[in-house]
Amino acid sequence: MAYVINEDCVACGTCIDECPVSAISEGDIYSIDPDECTECGSCAAVCPQEAISLPE
């Protein structure tokens, strides 16, 4: 199950450089490609808004 970015995202860009497989795309709210995400959690660990998590 890939990580997801919720509406708390402020598009700060912190997560982009942390993703080892470049699965995160920029936008008003960033998004994670579920086919590319390896579930490593690097993005969630650095998100200052805590906007990245595994889906419930």
N, C-alpha and C. Protein backbone atom coordinates (compact mmCIF):
# COMPACT_ATOMS: atom_id res chain seq x y z
N MET A 1 0.84 -1.17 0.00
CA MET A 1 0.00 0.00 0.00
C MET A 1 0.89 1.24 0.00
N ALA A 2 0.75 2.08 -1.00
CA ALA A 2 1.58 3.26 -1.15
C ALA A 2 1.18 4.37 -0.19
N TYR A 3 2.13 5.19 0.16
CA TYR A 3 1.86 6.37 0.97
C TYR A 3 0.99 7.33 0.18
N VAL A 4 0.24 8.17 0.88
CA VAL A 4 -0.60 9.19 0.24
C VAL A 4 -0.33 10.53 0.91
N ILE A 5 -0.60 11.59 0.18
CA ILE A 5 -0.44 12.95 0.68
C ILE A 5 -1.82 13.55 0.81
N ASN A 6 -2.14 14.08 1.99
CA ASN A 6 -3.48 14.62 2.20
C ASN A 6 -3.53 16.13 1.99
N GLU A 7 -4.71 16.70 2.24
CA GLU A 7 -4.95 18.13 1.99
C GLU A 7 -4.17 19.06 2.90
N ASP A 8 -3.47 18.54 3.89
CA ASP A 8 -2.63 19.37 4.74
C ASP A 8 -1.33 19.78 4.05
N CYS A 9 -1.07 19.20 2.89
CA CYS A 9 0.15 19.51 2.11
C CYS A 9 0.17 20.99 1.74
N VAL A 10 1.31 21.64 1.97
CA VAL A 10 1.49 23.04 1.60
C VAL A 10 2.47 23.19 0.44
N ALA A 11 2.78 22.07 -0.22
CA ALA A 11 3.65 22.06 -1.39
C ALA A 11 5.01 22.72 -1.12
N CYS A 12 5.59 22.40 0.02
CA CYS A 12 6.88 23.00 0.40
C CYS A 12 8.06 22.38 -0.34
N GLY A 13 7.89 21.16 -0.84
CA GLY A 13 8.95 20.51 -1.62
C GLY A 13 9.91 19.66 -0.82
N THR A 14 9.76 19.62 0.48
CA THR A 14 10.67 18.85 1.33
C THR A 14 10.71 17.37 0.95
N CYS A 15 9.57 16.81 0.63
CA CYS A 15 9.47 15.37 0.36
C CYS A 15 10.07 14.96 -0.99
N ILE A 16 10.06 15.86 -1.95
CA ILE A 16 10.50 15.52 -3.31
C ILE A 16 11.91 14.93 -3.33
N ASP A 17 12.85 15.60 -2.70
CA ASP A 17 14.25 15.15 -2.72
C ASP A 17 14.47 13.90 -1.88
N GLU A 18 13.57 13.62 -0.95
CA GLU A 18 13.73 12.45 -0.08
C GLU A 18 13.32 11.15 -0.74
N CYS A 19 12.47 11.22 -1.76
CA CYS A 19 11.95 10.00 -2.39
C CYS A 19 13.03 9.36 -3.27
N PRO A 20 13.46 8.14 -2.92
CA PRO A 20 14.54 7.50 -3.68
C PRO A 20 14.13 7.00 -5.06
N VAL A 21 12.81 6.94 -5.32
CA VAL A 21 12.35 6.45 -6.63
C VAL A 21 11.58 7.52 -7.42
N SER A 22 11.64 8.76 -6.97
CA SER A 22 10.98 9.89 -7.65
C SER A 22 9.50 9.65 -7.90
N ALA A 23 8.79 9.15 -6.90
CA ALA A 23 7.37 8.84 -7.03
C ALA A 23 6.46 10.01 -6.71
N ILE A 24 7.02 11.14 -6.28
CA ILE A 24 6.21 12.28 -5.86
C ILE A 24 6.17 13.32 -6.98
N SER A 25 4.95 13.78 -7.29
CA SER A 25 4.75 14.80 -8.32
C SER A 25 4.31 16.10 -7.67
N GLU A 26 4.79 17.21 -8.25
CA GLU A 26 4.44 18.53 -7.73
C GLU A 26 3.04 18.93 -8.18
N GLY A 27 2.45 19.84 -7.42
CA GLY A 27 1.14 20.40 -7.72
C GLY A 27 0.71 21.26 -6.56
N ASP A 28 -0.54 21.74 -6.59
CA ASP A 28 -1.05 22.52 -5.45
C ASP A 28 -0.96 21.67 -4.19
N ILE A 29 -1.32 20.40 -4.32
CA ILE A 29 -1.08 19.38 -3.31
C ILE A 29 -0.28 18.32 -4.02
N TYR A 30 0.86 17.94 -3.47
CA TYR A 30 1.69 16.94 -4.12
C TYR A 30 0.98 15.59 -4.12
N SER A 31 1.42 14.71 -5.02
CA SER A 31 0.82 13.37 -5.08
C SER A 31 1.92 12.33 -5.22
N ILE A 32 1.59 11.12 -4.80
CA ILE A 32 2.53 10.00 -4.86
C ILE A 32 1.98 8.95 -5.82
N ASP A 33 2.78 8.55 -6.78
CA ASP A 33 2.38 7.51 -7.73
C ASP A 33 2.40 6.17 -7.00
N PRO A 34 1.24 5.54 -6.83
CA PRO A 34 1.19 4.28 -6.08
C PRO A 34 1.94 3.14 -6.75
N ASP A 35 2.13 3.24 -8.06
CA ASP A 35 2.87 2.19 -8.77
C ASP A 35 4.38 2.32 -8.59
N GLU A 36 4.83 3.52 -8.23
CA GLU A 36 6.26 3.76 -8.05
C GLU A 36 6.69 3.72 -6.58
N CYS A 37 5.78 4.05 -5.67
CA CYS A 37 6.10 4.12 -4.24
C CYS A 37 6.56 2.77 -3.71
N THR A 38 7.69 2.78 -2.99
CA THR A 38 8.23 1.54 -2.41
C THR A 38 7.90 1.42 -0.93
N GLU A 39 7.10 2.36 -0.42
CA GLU A 39 6.67 2.35 0.98
C GLU A 39 7.84 2.46 1.96
N CYS A 40 8.87 3.19 1.59
CA CYS A 40 10.03 3.32 2.46
C CYS A 40 9.78 4.28 3.62
N GLY A 41 8.86 5.24 3.44
CA GLY A 41 8.52 6.17 4.51
C GLY A 41 9.42 7.39 4.61
N SER A 42 10.38 7.53 3.73
CA SER A 42 11.30 8.68 3.79
C SER A 42 10.55 10.00 3.67
N CYS A 43 9.57 10.05 2.81
CA CYS A 43 8.81 11.29 2.62
C CYS A 43 8.02 11.66 3.87
N ALA A 44 7.38 10.68 4.46
CA ALA A 44 6.57 10.93 5.66
C ALA A 44 7.44 11.40 6.83
N ALA A 45 8.65 10.89 6.89
CA ALA A 45 9.55 11.24 7.99
C ALA A 45 9.98 12.70 7.95
N VAL A 46 10.02 13.31 6.77
CA VAL A 46 10.50 14.69 6.66
C VAL A 46 9.40 15.72 6.47
N CYS A 47 8.17 15.30 6.31
CA CYS A 47 7.09 16.24 6.05
C CYS A 47 6.80 17.10 7.27
N PRO A 48 6.99 18.43 7.16
CA PRO A 48 6.77 19.30 8.32
C PRO A 48 5.29 19.46 8.68
N GLN A 49 4.39 19.12 7.77
CA GLN A 49 2.96 19.24 8.01
C GLN A 49 2.32 17.92 8.44
N GLU A 50 3.12 16.86 8.46
CA GLU A 50 2.61 15.52 8.74
C GLU A 50 1.45 15.18 7.81
N ALA A 51 1.62 15.53 6.53
CA ALA A 51 0.58 15.35 5.51
C ALA A 51 0.73 14.05 4.73
N ILE A 52 1.73 13.25 5.07
CA ILE A 52 1.99 12.02 4.33
C ILE A 52 1.84 10.83 5.28
N SER A 53 1.05 9.86 4.83
CA SER A 53 0.82 8.67 5.66
C SER A 53 0.39 7.49 4.80
N LEU A 54 0.36 6.34 5.42
CA LEU A 54 -0.22 5.18 4.75
C LEU A 54 -1.74 5.33 4.82
N PRO A 55 -2.44 4.89 3.79
CA PRO A 55 -3.91 5.02 3.83
C PRO A 55 -4.50 4.16 4.95
N GLU A 56 -5.60 4.60 5.48
CA GLU A 56 -6.24 3.87 6.59
C GLU A 56 -7.07 2.73 6.06
